């Protein structure tokens, strides 16, 4: 076992052993399973491509929590994403899961078990949405189709992916709105290296202010030593919400590669009334080999209630294809 593995696993094992030691004090109680999901569908019109009916989101899953004793709770989540099985994806479009699968396949978006103790939360997560994306980039990730993460095909502005797999994580208890999270990922099982990605972040979320800073080291095929640093911030003024993020990708083996670039984005959202909301965002990167790109995106939503809304979204890209999306979103 390497030094990194010992440093990662030892505090996790200690926290779990401490929590389990009081197991006999209480009977196990189960809250769940609960069933939930979302279907967001409509039309997608990409420049130089035929109009298409599109599933922007289609997922359903179950989850629940076992309370073993006052010091240990076990949460489980299993969520399937059906958008890839519904859509017909080509080089001009993207859909969840399509970057790793063929058309027609159901994508398992989340499969995880969380051990929640007084000393923090241990995550055993074969499939899970990226915590770095969700906590650092969340203030600009407010659109239905134009989301800018690394797995959005030609729309990708940032290097950070939205989906992770083979993730072992630890999140500290919250202290005054602050939390520290660390994670290791195994993305290649055949390279004689157990941990291919190592990531850590500090986040704050209390009252109207939230921010996060994170650093990730990546080794994967084609990249031997990539360091990614990102900072995101958001503030809720009530009627208006502002957000921004900056990302630096440093390929320490080759500073002239397409993986070495800066990217940033800003967003302003407004609640015009109980029924109407709008967002306007801008994002850009400075990739090498004339692959740099920027985008303006706007969306208008009409909220029928807290689970159903309609939307109209439009995006203009400097180098890639513009698009217009419209549809309905229903959560259950």
Foldseek 3Di string as FASTA:
>chain_A
DDPVVCVVVVVVVVQVVVLCVCLVVDAKDKDDFDKKWKWWWFWKDWPPDDIDTATLWTKMWTKIWIDRDPFKIKIWIWMKTCRQLVDDDDLQWAHPPVVPDHRNDIHTAWGWMWIQGLFWIKIQTQKYFDPCCCAAVVQQQPDRGQRQPPRTRLSHADPHHGMAGRKIKIKGDDDQQKIKMWIFHQPDPPPPDRGFKTKIKMWGDDDFKIKMKMWMWGPDVPAHTKIKIKIKIKGPPPFKIKIKMKMAIDRPVDCQAQRGKIKMKIKMKGDPDQFKIKMWMKMWMDGHPPSTKIKIKMKMWGDPDPFKIWMWMWMDMDPGITMITTTMMGMD
